[in-house]
Amino acid sequence: AGSCWYFLRYIDNKNSNEAFSKKADADWMPVDLYVGGAEHAVLHLLYARFWHQVLFDLGYSQHPEPFQKLVHQGMILGTDGEKMSKSRGNVVNPDDIVQEQGADALRLYEMFMGPLEAVKPWQTSQVAGVVRFQNKLYNVVRNVNDEAEMDAETTKLLHQTMKKVTEDINAMAFNTAISALMIFTNHLQGLKDQVPREAAEKMALMLAPFAPHLAEECWSILGHEKTLAYEGWVQYEEALCVDDTIKMGVQVNGKARGEIEIPKDADEETAVNAAMEQSRVQAQVEGKDIKKIIYVPGR
């Protein structure tokens, strides 16, 4: 029965006079987020709600519901696409992955596999992909140049990445947050020996929830003596997250013939002129009388 109300004891576990005080209940309850597999719906979750509502009816808690939000994470299947079980011989021991690739690689791969709620098959061979990302990021941090300045492209991509990672963590979309970190790492790698310190430090802070050991190592390489665990989360500027230009497809007679990049607020004349400079478009319209042009701004 204790497992049905342990969250109430957690909020006041040194109280020797009662299970939990009314003040602790008012300060800490209800639980913000409950994450559990679908099997918990008929095991722990059902009983926890029943017990809590009894305690509510008896006046011990002022909250009718114990949990504000419920998320069911998907099951990770064996490499054969079946539920892991000893009888099938498809069980993956996470300790083996930690021993061979490290705890950070295991964490990154599990979160990068796909949406949290999705059922996903385990593929040990794909762990190597996140290990390459780790190594690339580590080398980027080691190449930080204190004299390098943040150019406009890096600044914009940094703020877009900070916004993306922040929003995705809040939405528990960890796979796309990690993808954004990979894209930004590739950009920094392209700067070679001109990686700005600001970009590397922000990268380490964003990496911490996913690969804490590597993030701490990067933080140390950057000259910090104390842990990054107590650093504030990254802050982005909304104005720097908006692209100044957009990419737009060009079609001739319903078929794609090219792509142009134009200012976000470009008028029709600017867009048409840019389209006409495309060689594939020129080949389609040369010597012909253009009957109709359709331009959708921003699209």
C-alpha atoms as a PDB file:
ATOM      1  CA  ALA A   1       0.000   0.000   0.000  1.00  0.00           C
ATOM      2  CA  GLY A   2       2.919   2.355   0.649  1.00  0.00           C
ATOM      3  CA  SER A   3       3.729   2.570  -3.036  1.00  0.00           C
ATOM      4  CA  CYS A   4       0.299   4.117  -3.628  1.00  0.00           C
ATOM      5  CA  TRP A   5       1.044   7.271  -1.655  1.00  0.00           C
ATOM      6  CA  TYR A   6       4.864   7.458  -1.499  1.00  0.00           C
ATOM      7  CA  PHE A   7       4.806  10.829  -3.270  1.00  0.00           C
ATOM      8  CA  LEU A   8       2.988  12.283  -0.272  1.00  0.00           C
ATOM      9  CA  ARG A   9       5.616  10.986   2.126  1.00  0.00           C
ATOM     10  CA  TYR A  10       8.404  12.367  -0.080  1.00  0.00           C
ATOM     11  CA  ILE A  11       7.212  15.919   0.534  1.00  0.00           C
ATOM     12  CA  ASP A  12       7.578  15.596   4.326  1.00  0.00           C
ATOM     13  CA  ASN A  13       9.787  12.554   4.957  1.00  0.00           C
ATOM     14  CA  LYS A  14      11.332  13.804   8.210  1.00  0.00           C
ATOM     15  CA  ASN A  15       7.985  14.345   9.898  1.00  0.00           C
ATOM     16  CA  SER A  16       7.720  11.865  12.808  1.00  0.00           C
ATOM     17  CA  ASN A  17       4.329  13.055  13.971  1.00  0.00           C
ATOM     18  CA  GLU A  18       2.247  12.509  10.833  1.00  0.00           C
ATOM     19  CA  ALA A  19       2.602  11.120   7.320  1.00  0.00           C
ATOM     20  CA  PHE A  20       2.736  14.639   5.883  1.00  0.00           C
ATOM     21  CA  SER A  21       1.662  18.058   7.089  1.00  0.00           C
ATOM     22  CA  LYS A  22      -1.068  20.190   5.584  1.00  0.00           C
ATOM     23  CA  LYS A  23       1.538  22.868   4.847  1.00  0.00           C
ATOM     24  CA  ALA A  24       3.700  20.425   2.892  1.00  0.00           C
ATOM     25  CA  ASP A  25       0.613  19.278   1.006  1.00  0.00           C
ATOM     26  CA  ALA A  26      -0.271  22.897   0.179  1.00  0.00           C
ATOM     27  CA  ASP A  27       3.303  23.784  -0.825  1.00  0.00           C
ATOM     28  CA  TRP A  28       4.229  20.762  -2.929  1.00  0.00           C
ATOM     29  CA  MET A  29       1.165  18.939  -4.192  1.00  0.00           C
ATOM     30  CA  PRO A  30      -0.135  18.013  -6.680  1.00  0.00           C
ATOM     31  CA  VAL A  31       2.697  16.319  -8.578  1.00  0.00           C
ATOM     32  CA  ASP A  32       3.499  18.302 -11.750  1.00  0.00           C
ATOM     33  CA  LEU A  33       4.276  15.371 -14.027  1.00  0.00           C
ATOM     34  CA  TYR A  34       3.746  11.606 -13.864  1.00  0.00           C
ATOM     35  CA  VAL A  35       5.723   9.592 -16.422  1.00  0.00           C
ATOM     36  CA  GLY A  36       5.035   5.884 -16.668  1.00  0.00           C
ATOM     37  CA  GLY A  37       4.400   3.153 -19.168  1.00  0.00           C
ATOM     38  CA  ALA A  38       0.886   2.187 -20.175  1.00  0.00           C
ATOM     39  CA  GLU A  39       1.108  -0.864 -17.893  1.00  0.00           C
ATOM     40  CA  HIS A  40       1.179   1.533 -14.924  1.00  0.00           C
ATOM     41  CA  ALA A  41      -2.368   2.670 -15.726  1.00  0.00           C
ATOM     42  CA  VAL A  42      -3.792  -0.520 -14.182  1.00  0.00           C
ATOM     43  CA  LEU A  43      -1.020  -1.056 -11.644  1.00  0.00           C
ATOM     44  CA  HIS A  44       0.304   1.968  -9.819  1.00  0.00           C
ATOM     45  CA  LEU A  45      -1.664   4.878 -11.305  1.00  0.00           C
ATOM     46  CA  LEU A  46      -5.122   3.452 -10.649  1.00  0.00           C
ATOM     47  CA  TYR A  47      -4.360   2.601  -7.035  1.00  0.00           C
ATOM     48  CA  ALA A  48      -2.494   5.858  -6.390  1.00  0.00           C
ATOM     49  CA  ARG A  49      -5.506   7.909  -7.517  1.00  0.00           C
ATOM     50  CA  PHE A  50      -7.867   5.756  -5.462  1.00  0.00           C
ATOM     51  CA  TRP A  51      -5.801   6.118  -2.294  1.00  0.00           C
ATOM     52  CA  HIS A  52      -5.297   9.832  -2.839  1.00  0.00           C
ATOM     53  CA  GLN A  53      -8.984  10.513  -3.310  1.00  0.00           C
ATOM     54  CA  VAL A  54      -9.724   8.623  -0.098  1.00  0.00           C
ATOM     55  CA  LEU A  55      -7.179  10.831   1.682  1.00  0.00           C
ATOM     56  CA  PHE A  56      -8.798  13.870   0.070  1.00  0.00           C
ATOM     57  CA  ASP A  57     -12.260  12.793   1.230  1.00  0.00           C
ATOM     58  CA  LEU A  58     -10.891  12.310   4.756  1.00  0.00           C
ATOM     59  CA  GLY A  59      -9.415  15.805   4.722  1.00  0.00           C
ATOM     60  CA  TYR A  60      -5.739  14.879   4.754  1.00  0.00           C
ATOM     61  CA  SER A  61      -5.072  16.524   1.358  1.00  0.00           C
ATOM     62  CA  GLN A  62      -6.637  19.616  -0.148  1.00  0.00           C
ATOM     63  CA  HIS A  63      -6.097  18.340  -3.689  1.00  0.00           C
ATOM     64  CA  PRO A  64      -8.674  16.013  -5.297  1.00  0.00           C
ATOM     65  CA  GLU A  65      -6.148  14.702  -7.836  1.00  0.00           C
ATOM     66  CA  PRO A  66      -2.535  13.703  -7.102  1.00  0.00           C
ATOM     67  CA  PHE A  67      -1.070  14.331 -10.573  1.00  0.00           C
ATOM     68  CA  GLN A  68      -1.461  17.299 -12.919  1.00  0.00           C
ATOM     69  CA  LYS A  69      -0.115  15.711 -16.091  1.00  0.00           C
ATOM     70  CA  LEU A  70       0.337  12.134 -17.276  1.00  0.00           C
ATOM     71  CA  VAL A  71       2.725  11.000 -20.022  1.00  0.00           C
ATOM     72  CA  HIS A  72       3.054   7.389 -21.144  1.00  0.00           C
ATOM     73  CA  GLN A  73       6.477   6.658 -22.565  1.00  0.00           C
ATOM     74  CA  GLY A  74       6.653   4.100 -25.337  1.00  0.00           C
ATOM     75  CA  MET A  75       8.199   0.693 -24.868  1.00  0.00           C
ATOM     76  CA  ILE A  76      11.654  -0.079 -26.248  1.00  0.00           C
ATOM     77  CA  LEU A  77      11.500  -3.373 -28.109  1.00  0.00           C
ATOM     78  CA  GLY A  78      14.251  -5.860 -28.819  1.00  0.00           C
ATOM     79  CA  THR A  79      16.259  -5.734 -32.051  1.00  0.00           C
ATOM     80  CA  ASP A  80      13.759  -8.207 -33.524  1.00  0.00           C
ATOM     81  CA  GLY A  81      10.883  -5.762 -32.993  1.00  0.00           C
ATOM     82  CA  GLU A  82       9.365  -7.883 -30.226  1.00  0.00           C
ATOM     83  CA  LYS A  83       8.905  -7.132 -26.542  1.00  0.00           C
ATOM     84  CA  MET A  84      12.109  -7.896 -24.675  1.00  0.00           C
ATOM     85  CA  SER A  85      12.005 -11.125 -22.686  1.00  0.00           C
ATOM     86  CA  LYS A  86      14.502 -13.740 -21.551  1.00  0.00           C
ATOM     87  CA  SER A  87      12.535 -16.465 -23.313  1.00  0.00           C
ATOM     88  CA  ARG A  88      12.988 -14.706 -26.654  1.00  0.00           C
ATOM     89  CA  GLY A  89      16.647 -14.028 -25.964  1.00  0.00           C
ATOM     90  CA  ASN A  90      16.315 -10.434 -27.137  1.00  0.00           C
ATOM     91  CA  VAL A  91      17.009  -8.606 -23.885  1.00  0.00           C
ATOM     92  CA  VAL A  92      19.485  -5.720 -24.132  1.00  0.00           C
ATOM     93  CA  ASN A  93      21.404  -5.107 -20.922  1.00  0.00           C
ATOM     94  CA  PRO A  94      22.000  -1.347 -20.539  1.00  0.00           C
ATOM     95  CA  ASP A  95      25.024  -2.083 -18.339  1.00  0.00           C
ATOM     96  CA  ASP A  96      26.756  -3.548 -21.394  1.00  0.00           C
ATOM     97  CA  ILE A  97      26.143  -0.361 -23.382  1.00  0.00           C
ATOM     98  CA  VAL A  98      27.451   1.769 -20.513  1.00  0.00           C
ATOM     99  CA  GLN A  99      30.551  -0.413 -20.265  1.00  0.00           C
ATOM    100  CA  GLU A 100      31.280  -0.234 -23.995  1.00  0.00           C
ATOM    101  CA  GLN A 101      30.083   3.251 -25.003  1.00  0.00           C
ATOM    102  CA  GLY A 102      29.506   5.158 -21.757  1.00  0.00           C
ATOM    103  CA  ALA A 103      26.425   6.312 -19.845  1.00  0.00           C
ATOM    104  CA  ASP A 104      26.073   9.504 -21.886  1.00  0.00           C
ATOM    105  CA  ALA A 105      25.929   7.541 -25.135  1.00  0.00           C
ATOM    106  CA  LEU A 106      23.171   5.335 -23.701  1.00  0.00           C
ATOM    107  CA  ARG A 107      21.147   8.331 -22.517  1.00  0.00           C
ATOM    108  CA  LEU A 108      21.577  10.207 -25.806  1.00  0.00           C
ATOM    109  CA  TYR A 109      20.633   7.233 -27.939  1.00  0.00           C
ATOM    110  CA  GLU A 110      17.529   6.387 -25.891  1.00  0.00           C
ATOM    111  CA  MET A 111      16.281   9.960 -26.207  1.00  0.00           C
ATOM    112  CA  PHE A 112      17.287  10.254 -29.875  1.00  0.00           C
ATOM    113  CA  MET A 113      15.515   7.057 -30.970  1.00  0.00           C
ATOM    114  CA  GLY A 114      12.210   8.815 -31.568  1.00  0.00           C
ATOM    115  CA  PRO A 115       9.268  10.491 -29.801  1.00  0.00           C
ATOM    116  CA  LEU A 116       9.010   9.649 -26.109  1.00  0.00           C
ATOM    117  CA  GLU A 117       5.525   8.148 -26.513  1.00  0.00           C
ATOM    118  CA  ALA A 118       6.447   5.946 -29.494  1.00  0.00           C
ATOM    119  CA  VAL A 119       7.215   2.215 -29.372  1.00  0.00           C
ATOM    120  CA  LYS A 120      10.737   1.787 -30.766  1.00  0.00           C
ATOM    121  CA  PRO A 121      13.019  -1.181 -31.554  1.00  0.00           C
ATOM    122  CA  TRP A 122      16.526  -1.090 -30.079  1.00  0.00           C
ATOM    123  CA  GLN A 123      19.414  -1.044 -32.562  1.00  0.00           C
ATOM    124  CA  THR A 124      22.796  -1.335 -30.840  1.00  0.00           C
ATOM    125  CA  SER A 125      24.646  -0.509 -34.063  1.00  0.00           C
ATOM    126  CA  GLN A 126      23.055   2.946 -34.114  1.00  0.00           C
ATOM    127  CA  VAL A 127      24.575   3.920 -30.769  1.00  0.00           C
ATOM    128  CA  ALA A 128      27.753   4.623 -32.714  1.00  0.00           C
ATOM    129  CA  GLY A 129      25.984   7.594 -34.321  1.00  0.00           C
ATOM    130  CA  VAL A 130      25.572   9.475 -31.043  1.00  0.00           C
ATOM    131  CA  VAL A 131      29.138   8.541 -30.062  1.00  0.00           C
ATOM    132  CA  ARG A 132      30.356  10.292 -33.221  1.00  0.00           C
ATOM    133  CA  PHE A 133      28.289  13.323 -32.230  1.00  0.00           C
ATOM    134  CA  GLN A 134      29.887  13.308 -28.778  1.00  0.00           C
ATOM    135  CA  ASN A 135      33.382  13.123 -30.235  1.00  0.00           C
ATOM    136  CA  LYS A 136      32.648  15.893 -32.722  1.00  0.00           C
ATOM    137  CA  LEU A 137      31.315  18.185 -30.007  1.00  0.00           C
ATOM    138  CA  TYR A 138      34.275  17.449 -27.743  1.00  0.00           C
ATOM    139  CA  ASN A 139      36.706  18.400 -30.503  1.00  0.00           C
ATOM    140  CA  VAL A 140      34.731  21.564 -31.259  1.00  0.00           C
ATOM    141  CA  VAL A 141      35.031  22.684 -27.634  1.00  0.00           C
ATOM    142  CA  ARG A 142      38.766  21.993 -27.633  1.00  0.00           C
ATOM    143  CA  ASN A 143      39.111  24.288 -30.651  1.00  0.00           C
ATOM    144  CA  VAL A 144      37.540  27.312 -28.939  1.00  0.00           C
ATOM    145  CA  ASN A 145      39.287  30.545 -29.835  1.00  0.00           C
ATOM    146  CA  ASP A 146      38.917  33.352 -27.303  1.00  0.00           C
ATOM    147  CA  GLU A 147      39.695  35.848 -30.045  1.00  0.00           C
ATOM    148  CA  ALA A 148      36.941  34.597 -32.341  1.00  0.00           C
ATOM    149  CA  GLU A 149      33.814  36.741 -32.508  1.00  0.00           C
ATOM    150  CA  MET A 150      30.215  35.690 -33.029  1.00  0.00           C
ATOM    151  CA  ASP A 151      29.306  36.365 -36.661  1.00  0.00           C
ATOM    152  CA  ALA A 152      25.718  37.021 -37.688  1.00  0.00           C
ATOM    153  CA  GLU A 153      25.083  33.478 -38.939  1.00  0.00           C
ATOM    154  CA  THR A 154      26.425  31.812 -35.788  1.00  0.00           C
ATOM    155  CA  THR A 155      24.521  34.223 -33.539  1.00  0.00           C
ATOM    156  CA  LYS A 156      21.234  33.555 -35.303  1.00  0.00           C
ATOM    157  CA  LEU A 157      21.703  29.788 -35.338  1.00  0.00           C
ATOM    158  CA  LEU A 158      22.711  29.808 -31.652  1.00  0.00           C
ATOM    159  CA  HIS A 159      19.547  31.648 -30.612  1.00  0.00           C
ATOM    160  CA  GLN A 160      17.397  29.432 -32.837  1.00  0.00           C
ATOM    161  CA  THR A 161      18.996  26.365 -31.247  1.00  0.00           C
ATOM    162  CA  MET A 162      18.496  27.684 -27.702  1.00  0.00           C
ATOM    163  CA  LYS A 163      14.837  28.350 -28.482  1.00  0.00           C
ATOM    164  CA  LYS A 164      14.344  24.944 -30.106  1.00  0.00           C
ATOM    165  CA  VAL A 165      16.035  22.990 -27.305  1.00  0.00           C
ATOM    166  CA  THR A 166      14.192  24.943 -24.592  1.00  0.00           C
ATOM    167  CA  GLU A 167      10.789  24.416 -26.176  1.00  0.00           C
ATOM    168  CA  ASP A 168      11.460  20.772 -27.010  1.00  0.00           C
ATOM    169  CA  ILE A 169      12.546  19.947 -23.461  1.00  0.00           C
ATOM    170  CA  ASN A 170       9.347  21.501 -22.129  1.00  0.00           C
ATOM    171  CA  ALA A 171       7.381  19.439 -24.656  1.00  0.00           C
ATOM    172  CA  MET A 172       9.456  16.320 -23.822  1.00  0.00           C
ATOM    173  CA  ALA A 173      10.461  16.135 -27.495  1.00  0.00           C
ATOM    174  CA  PHE A 174      13.991  15.095 -26.629  1.00  0.00           C
ATOM    175  CA  ASN A 175      14.819  13.545 -29.994  1.00  0.00           C
ATOM    176  CA  THR A 176      14.314  16.797 -31.908  1.00  0.00           C
ATOM    177  CA  ALA A 177      16.179  18.775 -29.237  1.00  0.00           C
ATOM    178  CA  ILE A 178      19.201  16.516 -29.710  1.00  0.00           C
ATOM    179  CA  SER A 179      18.843  16.880 -33.477  1.00  0.00           C
ATOM    180  CA  ALA A 180      19.064  20.671 -33.087  1.00  0.00           C
ATOM    181  CA  LEU A 181      22.249  20.278 -31.026  1.00  0.00           C
ATOM    182  CA  MET A 182      23.730  18.106 -33.761  1.00  0.00           C
ATOM    183  CA  ILE A 183      22.967  20.729 -36.413  1.00  0.00           C
ATOM    184  CA  PHE A 184      24.566  23.480 -34.343  1.00  0.00           C
ATOM    185  CA  THR A 185      27.614  21.297 -33.646  1.00  0.00           C
ATOM    186  CA  ASN A 186      28.079  20.741 -37.386  1.00  0.00           C
ATOM    187  CA  HIS A 187      27.980  24.506 -37.891  1.00  0.00           C
ATOM    188  CA  LEU A 188      30.592  25.081 -35.182  1.00  0.00           C
ATOM    189  CA  GLN A 189      32.796  22.363 -36.644  1.00  0.00           C
ATOM    190  CA  GLY A 190      32.734  24.246 -39.945  1.00  0.00           C
ATOM    191  CA  LEU A 191      34.233  27.278 -38.193  1.00  0.00           C
ATOM    192  CA  LYS A 192      37.404  25.212 -37.585  1.00  0.00           C
ATOM    193  CA  ASP A 193      39.728  27.258 -35.359  1.00  0.00           C
ATOM    194  CA  GLN A 194      37.315  30.187 -35.083  1.00  0.00           C
ATOM    195  CA  VAL A 195      34.802  28.719 -32.640  1.00  0.00           C
ATOM    196  CA  PRO A 196      33.639  31.518 -30.289  1.00  0.00           C
ATOM    197  CA  ARG A 197      33.689  30.855 -26.558  1.00  0.00           C
ATOM    198  CA  GLU A 198      30.100  32.064 -26.117  1.00  0.00           C
ATOM    199  CA  ALA A 199      28.777  29.488 -28.572  1.00  0.00           C
ATOM    200  CA  ALA A 200      30.722  26.639 -26.943  1.00  0.00           C
ATOM    201  CA  GLU A 201      29.603  27.561 -23.432  1.00  0.00           C
ATOM    202  CA  LYS A 202      25.958  27.775 -24.443  1.00  0.00           C
ATOM    203  CA  MET A 203      26.336  24.433 -26.208  1.00  0.00           C
ATOM    204  CA  ALA A 204      27.699  22.787 -23.054  1.00  0.00           C
ATOM    205  CA  LEU A 205      24.778  24.113 -21.003  1.00  0.00           C
ATOM    206  CA  MET A 206      22.223  22.825 -23.513  1.00  0.00           C
ATOM    207  CA  LEU A 207      23.933  19.433 -23.653  1.00  0.00           C
ATOM    208  CA  ALA A 208      23.867  18.931 -19.873  1.00  0.00           C
ATOM    209  CA  PRO A 209      20.324  17.454 -19.551  1.00  0.00           C
ATOM    210  CA  PHE A 210      21.149  14.828 -22.187  1.00  0.00           C
ATOM    211  CA  ALA A 211      24.840  14.016 -21.634  1.00  0.00           C
ATOM    212  CA  PRO A 212      25.825  15.418 -18.221  1.00  0.00           C
ATOM    213  CA  HIS A 213      29.281  13.838 -18.050  1.00  0.00           C
ATOM    214  CA  LEU A 214      30.394  15.184 -21.419  1.00  0.00           C
ATOM    215  CA  ALA A 215      28.839  18.563 -20.657  1.00  0.00           C
ATOM    216  CA  GLU A 216      30.808  18.826 -17.408  1.00  0.00           C
ATOM    217  CA  GLU A 217      33.995  17.854 -19.228  1.00  0.00           C
ATOM    218  CA  CYS A 218      33.397  20.528 -21.860  1.00  0.00           C
ATOM    219  CA  TRP A 219      32.650  23.069 -19.133  1.00  0.00           C
ATOM    220  CA  SER A 220      35.961  22.222 -17.467  1.00  0.00           C
ATOM    221  CA  ILE A 221      37.873  22.471 -20.753  1.00  0.00           C
ATOM    222  CA  LEU A 222      36.422  25.954 -21.161  1.00  0.00           C
ATOM    223  CA  GLY A 223      38.164  26.963 -17.955  1.00  0.00           C
ATOM    224  CA  HIS A 224      35.406  26.736 -15.366  1.00  0.00           C
ATOM    225  CA  GLU A 225      36.433  25.323 -11.997  1.00  0.00           C
ATOM    226  CA  LYS A 226      32.917  24.791 -10.626  1.00  0.00           C
ATOM    227  CA  THR A 227      30.195  22.500 -11.940  1.00  0.00           C
ATOM    228  CA  LEU A 228      27.731  23.796 -14.515  1.00  0.00           C
ATOM    229  CA  ALA A 229      24.880  22.211 -12.536  1.00  0.00           C
ATOM    230  CA  TYR A 230      24.195  25.517 -10.792  1.00  0.00           C
ATOM    231  CA  GLU A 231      24.434  27.689 -13.897  1.00  0.00           C
ATOM    232  CA  GLY A 232      21.268  29.323 -15.197  1.00  0.00           C
ATOM    233  CA  TRP A 233      19.575  27.895 -18.267  1.00  0.00           C
ATOM    234  CA  VAL A 234      20.317  29.513 -21.631  1.00  0.00           C
ATOM    235  CA  GLN A 235      18.271  32.553 -22.641  1.00  0.00           C
ATOM    236  CA  TYR A 236      17.440  33.361 -26.260  1.00  0.00           C
ATOM    237  CA  GLU A 237      16.272  36.541 -27.959  1.00  0.00           C
ATOM    238  CA  GLU A 238      13.097  36.041 -29.967  1.00  0.00           C
ATOM    239  CA  ALA A 239      14.114  38.643 -32.546  1.00  0.00           C
ATOM    240  CA  LEU A 240      17.274  36.670 -33.354  1.00  0.00           C
ATOM    241  CA  CYS A 241      15.295  33.463 -33.903  1.00  0.00           C
ATOM    242  CA  VAL A 242      13.464  34.816 -36.955  1.00  0.00           C
ATOM    243  CA  ASP A 243      15.014  34.143 -40.363  1.00  0.00           C
ATOM    244  CA  ASP A 244      15.623  37.176 -42.556  1.00  0.00           C
ATOM    245  CA  THR A 245      15.342  35.085 -45.700  1.00  0.00           C
ATOM    246  CA  ILE A 246      13.154  32.189 -46.802  1.00  0.00           C
ATOM    247  CA  LYS A 247      13.595  29.381 -49.300  1.00  0.00           C
ATOM    248  CA  MET A 248      10.887  29.078 -51.908  1.00  0.00           C
ATOM    249  CA  GLY A 249      10.281  26.388 -54.502  1.00  0.00           C
ATOM    250  CA  VAL A 250       9.813  27.349 -58.143  1.00  0.00           C
ATOM    251  CA  GLN A 251       7.449  25.428 -60.392  1.00  0.00           C
ATOM    252  CA  VAL A 252       6.859  25.597 -64.130  1.00  0.00           C
ATOM    253  CA  ASN A 253       3.686  23.935 -65.424  1.00  0.00           C
ATOM    254  CA  GLY A 254       3.205  22.217 -62.065  1.00  0.00           C
ATOM    255  CA  LYS A 255       6.664  20.662 -61.865  1.00  0.00           C
ATOM    256  CA  ALA A 256       9.450  21.696 -59.501  1.00  0.00           C
ATOM    257  CA  ARG A 257      12.242  23.395 -61.420  1.00  0.00           C
ATOM    258  CA  GLY A 258      14.330  24.964 -58.687  1.00  0.00           C
ATOM    259  CA  GLU A 259      14.552  26.726 -55.361  1.00  0.00           C
ATOM    260  CA  ILE A 260      15.340  30.341 -54.551  1.00  0.00           C
ATOM    261  CA  GLU A 261      16.318  32.148 -51.366  1.00  0.00           C
ATOM    262  CA  ILE A 262      14.868  35.623 -51.039  1.00  0.00           C
ATOM    263  CA  PRO A 263      14.213  38.195 -48.284  1.00  0.00           C
ATOM    264  CA  LYS A 264      11.256  37.257 -46.105  1.00  0.00           C
ATOM    265  CA  ASP A 265       9.357  40.379 -47.152  1.00  0.00           C
ATOM    266  CA  ALA A 266      10.290  40.231 -50.850  1.00  0.00           C
ATOM    267  CA  ASP A 267       7.687  41.475 -53.320  1.00  0.00           C
ATOM    268  CA  GLU A 268       6.535  39.567 -56.388  1.00  0.00           C
ATOM    269  CA  GLU A 269       8.948  41.283 -58.758  1.00  0.00           C
ATOM    270  CA  THR A 270      11.957  40.334 -56.631  1.00  0.00           C
ATOM    271  CA  ALA A 271      10.809  36.729 -56.376  1.00  0.00           C
ATOM    272  CA  VAL A 272      10.100  36.391 -60.097  1.00  0.00           C
ATOM    273  CA  ASN A 273      13.476  37.889 -61.039  1.00  0.00           C
ATOM    274  CA  ALA A 274      15.238  35.439 -58.727  1.00  0.00           C
ATOM    275  CA  ALA A 275      13.270  32.535 -60.209  1.00  0.00           C
ATOM    276  CA  MET A 276      14.114  33.563 -63.756  1.00  0.00           C
ATOM    277  CA  GLU A 277      17.808  33.386 -62.926  1.00  0.00           C
ATOM    278  CA  GLN A 278      17.535  29.663 -62.297  1.00  0.00           C
ATOM    279  CA  SER A 279      18.993  27.721 -65.228  1.00  0.00           C
ATOM    280  CA  ARG A 280      16.342  25.016 -65.112  1.00  0.00           C
ATOM    281  CA  VAL A 281      13.602  27.630 -65.120  1.00  0.00           C
ATOM    282  CA  GLN A 282      15.209  29.462 -68.036  1.00  0.00           C
ATOM    283  CA  ALA A 283      15.333  26.228 -70.038  1.00  0.00           C
ATOM    284  CA  GLN A 284      11.581  25.762 -69.538  1.00  0.00           C
ATOM    285  CA  VAL A 285      10.439  29.309 -70.406  1.00  0.00           C
ATOM    286  CA  GLU A 286      12.959  30.366 -73.042  1.00  0.00           C
ATOM    287  CA  GLY A 287      11.236  31.499 -76.229  1.00  0.00           C
ATOM    288  CA  LYS A 288       7.800  31.000 -74.689  1.00  0.00           C
ATOM    289  CA  ASP A 289       5.061  33.458 -73.803  1.00  0.00           C
ATOM    290  CA  ILE A 290       4.374  33.270 -70.057  1.00  0.00           C
ATOM    291  CA  LYS A 291       0.618  33.322 -69.557  1.00  0.00           C
ATOM    292  CA  LYS A 292       0.340  33.321 -65.781  1.00  0.00           C
ATOM    293  CA  ILE A 293       2.561  33.838 -62.707  1.00  0.00           C
ATOM    294  CA  ILE A 294       1.443  32.836 -59.223  1.00  0.00           C
ATOM    295  CA  TYR A 295       3.354  34.186 -56.263  1.00  0.00           C
ATOM    296  CA  VAL A 296       2.447  33.451 -52.654  1.00  0.00           C
ATOM    297  CA  PRO A 297       4.382  35.748 -50.293  1.00  0.00           C
ATOM    298  CA  GLY A 298       6.216  33.932 -47.515  1.00  0.00           C
ATOM    299  CA  ARG A 299       5.596  30.523 -49.063  1.00  0.00           C
END
